[in-house]
Amino acid sequence: MDQARAAAQRLHDAAVARGDRAYTDPRSGLFVMTALHHRQRGFCCGAGCRHCPYSPEEQAAAGRPEGAPCWERRG
């Protein structure tokens, strides 16, 4: 894991621990939804979210783009 990704993962983990639904990515400045946000929403949207907690099968059924990177996968 490169340093930027590790820093973003630490921010994600801290945000989840606080109960936050999102954090700001330090490299891109983008607003990134946490796995907590996705679980609370209750379904996979298929958009290719970075921290999608849904299984690969659920993601595919929702239309996730093939090859979209995912940092967390829960089966």
N, C-alpha and C. Protein backbone atom coordinates (compact mmCIF):
# COMPACT_ATOMS: atom_id res chain seq x y z
N MET A 1 0.86 -1.18 0.00
CA MET A 1 0.00 0.00 0.00
C MET A 1 0.90 1.23 0.00
N ASP A 2 0.69 2.15 -0.94
CA ASP A 2 1.52 3.34 -0.98
C ASP A 2 1.14 4.29 0.15
N GLN A 3 1.97 5.30 0.38
CA GLN A 3 1.77 6.21 1.51
C GLN A 3 0.46 6.98 1.43
N ALA A 4 0.09 7.44 0.23
CA ALA A 4 -1.16 8.20 0.08
C ALA A 4 -2.36 7.32 0.39
N ARG A 5 -2.33 6.10 -0.10
CA ARG A 5 -3.45 5.18 0.17
C ARG A 5 -3.51 4.82 1.66
N ALA A 6 -2.34 4.61 2.27
CA ALA A 6 -2.30 4.30 3.69
C ALA A 6 -2.85 5.47 4.51
N ALA A 7 -2.50 6.69 4.14
CA ALA A 7 -3.01 7.87 4.85
C ALA A 7 -4.53 7.97 4.70
N ALA A 8 -5.03 7.72 3.50
CA ALA A 8 -6.48 7.76 3.27
C ALA A 8 -7.17 6.66 4.06
N GLN A 9 -6.57 5.48 4.13
CA GLN A 9 -7.17 4.39 4.89
C GLN A 9 -7.23 4.73 6.37
N ARG A 10 -6.18 5.37 6.89
CA ARG A 10 -6.19 5.79 8.30
C ARG A 10 -7.30 6.81 8.54
N LEU A 11 -7.47 7.75 7.63
CA LEU A 11 -8.56 8.74 7.75
C LEU A 11 -9.91 8.05 7.72
N HIS A 12 -10.06 7.07 6.83
CA HIS A 12 -11.31 6.31 6.75
C HIS A 12 -11.58 5.60 8.06
N ASP A 13 -10.59 4.90 8.57
CA ASP A 13 -10.77 4.13 9.80
C ASP A 13 -11.13 5.05 10.97
N ALA A 14 -10.47 6.20 11.06
CA ALA A 14 -10.77 7.17 12.12
C ALA A 14 -12.18 7.71 11.96
N ALA A 15 -12.59 7.99 10.73
CA ALA A 15 -13.95 8.49 10.48
C ALA A 15 -14.99 7.46 10.90
N VAL A 16 -14.76 6.21 10.57
CA VAL A 16 -15.69 5.14 10.96
C VAL A 16 -15.75 5.03 12.48
N ALA A 17 -14.60 5.10 13.13
CA ALA A 17 -14.56 5.00 14.59
C ALA A 17 -15.36 6.13 15.25
N ARG A 18 -15.38 7.31 14.62
CA ARG A 18 -16.15 8.44 15.14
C ARG A 18 -17.62 8.38 14.75
N GLY A 19 -17.95 7.48 13.83
CA GLY A 19 -19.31 7.40 13.34
C GLY A 19 -19.59 8.33 12.17
N ASP A 20 -18.52 8.86 11.56
CA ASP A 20 -18.68 9.75 10.41
C ASP A 20 -19.00 8.95 9.15
N ARG A 21 -19.78 9.55 8.30
CA ARG A 21 -20.19 8.87 7.07
C ARG A 21 -19.27 9.18 5.89
N ALA A 22 -18.31 10.09 6.07
CA ALA A 22 -17.41 10.45 4.97
C ALA A 22 -16.15 11.11 5.53
N TYR A 23 -15.15 11.24 4.68
CA TYR A 23 -13.91 11.95 5.01
C TYR A 23 -13.40 12.60 3.73
N THR A 24 -12.44 13.50 3.86
CA THR A 24 -11.84 14.13 2.69
C THR A 24 -10.53 13.43 2.37
N ASP A 25 -10.40 12.96 1.13
CA ASP A 25 -9.20 12.28 0.69
C ASP A 25 -8.05 13.29 0.67
N PRO A 26 -6.91 12.98 1.33
CA PRO A 26 -5.82 13.95 1.42
C PRO A 26 -5.12 14.22 0.09
N ARG A 27 -5.14 13.28 -0.82
CA ARG A 27 -4.45 13.47 -2.10
C ARG A 27 -5.31 14.23 -3.11
N SER A 28 -6.57 13.83 -3.23
CA SER A 28 -7.43 14.42 -4.27
C SER A 28 -8.31 15.55 -3.75
N GLY A 29 -8.54 15.58 -2.44
CA GLY A 29 -9.45 16.58 -1.87
C GLY A 29 -10.92 16.21 -2.05
N LEU A 30 -11.17 14.99 -2.58
CA LEU A 30 -12.56 14.57 -2.81
C LEU A 30 -13.20 14.08 -1.52
N PHE A 31 -14.50 14.22 -1.46
CA PHE A 31 -15.32 13.76 -0.35
C PHE A 31 -15.60 12.29 -0.59
N VAL A 32 -15.15 11.41 0.32
CA VAL A 32 -15.24 9.96 0.13
C VAL A 32 -16.17 9.37 1.19
N MET A 33 -17.15 8.60 0.74
CA MET A 33 -18.07 7.94 1.66
C MET A 33 -17.37 6.77 2.35
N THR A 34 -17.66 6.60 3.65
CA THR A 34 -17.07 5.49 4.40
C THR A 34 -17.90 4.22 4.21
N ALA A 35 -17.32 3.10 4.60
CA ALA A 35 -18.06 1.84 4.58
C ALA A 35 -19.29 1.94 5.49
N LEU A 36 -19.16 2.70 6.58
CA LEU A 36 -20.29 2.91 7.48
C LEU A 36 -21.46 3.55 6.73
N HIS A 37 -21.18 4.56 5.93
CA HIS A 37 -22.23 5.22 5.14
C HIS A 37 -22.95 4.21 4.25
N HIS A 38 -22.16 3.39 3.57
CA HIS A 38 -22.74 2.41 2.64
C HIS A 38 -23.60 1.38 3.38
N ARG A 39 -23.11 0.90 4.52
CA ARG A 39 -23.90 -0.06 5.29
C ARG A 39 -25.19 0.57 5.80
N GLN A 40 -25.13 1.82 6.25
CA GLN A 40 -26.33 2.49 6.75
C GLN A 40 -27.33 2.75 5.63
N ARG A 41 -26.83 2.98 4.41
CA ARG A 41 -27.73 3.17 3.27
C ARG A 41 -28.49 1.88 3.00
N GLY A 42 -27.83 0.73 3.17
CA GLY A 42 -28.51 -0.54 3.10
C GLY A 42 -28.45 -1.30 1.78
N PHE A 43 -27.78 -0.75 0.78
CA PHE A 43 -27.67 -1.45 -0.50
C PHE A 43 -26.48 -0.91 -1.27
N CYS A 44 -25.99 -1.71 -2.20
CA CYS A 44 -24.91 -1.28 -3.08
C CYS A 44 -25.51 -0.49 -4.23
N CYS A 45 -24.95 0.68 -4.49
CA CYS A 45 -25.46 1.53 -5.58
C CYS A 45 -24.85 1.17 -6.92
N GLY A 46 -23.75 0.40 -6.92
CA GLY A 46 -23.11 -0.01 -8.17
C GLY A 46 -22.21 1.04 -8.79
N ALA A 47 -21.92 2.12 -8.05
CA ALA A 47 -21.13 3.22 -8.61
C ALA A 47 -19.63 2.98 -8.58
N GLY A 48 -19.19 1.93 -7.90
CA GLY A 48 -17.75 1.66 -7.82
C GLY A 48 -17.09 2.38 -6.66
N CYS A 49 -17.78 2.51 -5.56
CA CYS A 49 -17.29 3.24 -4.39
C CYS A 49 -16.04 2.59 -3.79
N ARG A 50 -15.14 3.42 -3.33
CA ARG A 50 -13.85 2.98 -2.79
C ARG A 50 -13.99 2.02 -1.60
N HIS A 51 -14.88 2.32 -0.68
CA HIS A 51 -15.00 1.52 0.54
C HIS A 51 -16.29 0.70 0.58
N CYS A 52 -16.74 0.25 -0.56
CA CYS A 52 -17.98 -0.53 -0.62
C CYS A 52 -17.86 -1.79 0.23
N PRO A 53 -18.76 -1.98 1.20
CA PRO A 53 -18.68 -3.15 2.08
C PRO A 53 -19.43 -4.37 1.56
N TYR A 54 -20.05 -4.25 0.40
CA TYR A 54 -20.87 -5.34 -0.12
C TYR A 54 -20.04 -6.36 -0.89
N SER A 55 -20.53 -7.59 -0.95
CA SER A 55 -19.80 -8.68 -1.61
C SER A 55 -19.64 -8.39 -3.11
N PRO A 56 -18.65 -9.00 -3.73
CA PRO A 56 -18.47 -8.82 -5.17
C PRO A 56 -19.73 -9.17 -5.96
N GLU A 57 -20.47 -10.18 -5.50
CA GLU A 57 -21.70 -10.58 -6.19
C GLU A 57 -22.76 -9.49 -6.11
N GLU A 58 -22.91 -8.89 -4.91
CA GLU A 58 -23.89 -7.80 -4.75
C GLU A 58 -23.47 -6.58 -5.58
N GLN A 59 -22.17 -6.31 -5.61
CA GLN A 59 -21.68 -5.18 -6.39
C GLN A 59 -21.94 -5.39 -7.88
N ALA A 60 -21.66 -6.59 -8.37
CA ALA A 60 -21.89 -6.90 -9.79
C ALA A 60 -23.37 -6.79 -10.13
N ALA A 61 -24.23 -7.30 -9.25
CA ALA A 61 -25.68 -7.25 -9.49
C ALA A 61 -26.17 -5.80 -9.53
N ALA A 62 -25.51 -4.91 -8.78
CA ALA A 62 -25.90 -3.51 -8.75
C ALA A 62 -25.33 -2.72 -9.92
N GLY A 63 -24.44 -3.36 -10.71
CA GLY A 63 -23.88 -2.70 -11.89
C GLY A 63 -22.53 -2.06 -11.70
N ARG A 64 -21.79 -2.46 -10.66
CA ARG A 64 -20.46 -1.90 -10.44
C ARG A 64 -19.61 -2.11 -11.69
N PRO A 65 -18.90 -1.07 -12.15
CA PRO A 65 -18.05 -1.23 -13.33
C PRO A 65 -16.99 -2.30 -13.11
N GLU A 66 -16.81 -3.16 -14.09
CA GLU A 66 -15.81 -4.21 -13.99
C GLU A 66 -14.43 -3.60 -13.85
N GLY A 67 -13.68 -4.10 -12.89
CA GLY A 67 -12.32 -3.61 -12.68
C GLY A 67 -12.23 -2.38 -11.79
N ALA A 68 -13.36 -1.85 -11.32
CA ALA A 68 -13.31 -0.69 -10.42
C ALA A 68 -12.63 -1.11 -9.13
N PRO A 69 -11.60 -0.35 -8.69
CA PRO A 69 -10.90 -0.75 -7.47
C PRO A 69 -11.79 -0.61 -6.24
N CYS A 70 -11.60 -1.49 -5.31
CA CYS A 70 -12.34 -1.45 -4.04
C CYS A 70 -11.36 -1.75 -2.93
N TRP A 71 -11.29 -0.90 -1.93
CA TRP A 71 -10.35 -1.10 -0.85
C TRP A 71 -10.83 -2.08 0.18
N GLU A 72 -12.13 -2.16 0.39
CA GLU A 72 -12.69 -3.06 1.39
C GLU A 72 -13.75 -3.91 0.73
N ARG A 73 -13.63 -5.19 0.89
CA ARG A 73 -14.67 -6.08 0.38
C ARG A 73 -15.07 -6.99 1.50
N ARG A 74 -16.33 -7.04 1.75
CA ARG A 74 -16.87 -7.92 2.80
C ARG A 74 -17.76 -8.93 2.10
N GLY A 75 -17.53 -10.22 2.35
CA GLY A 75 -18.29 -11.24 1.67
C GLY A 75 -19.43 -11.77 2.39
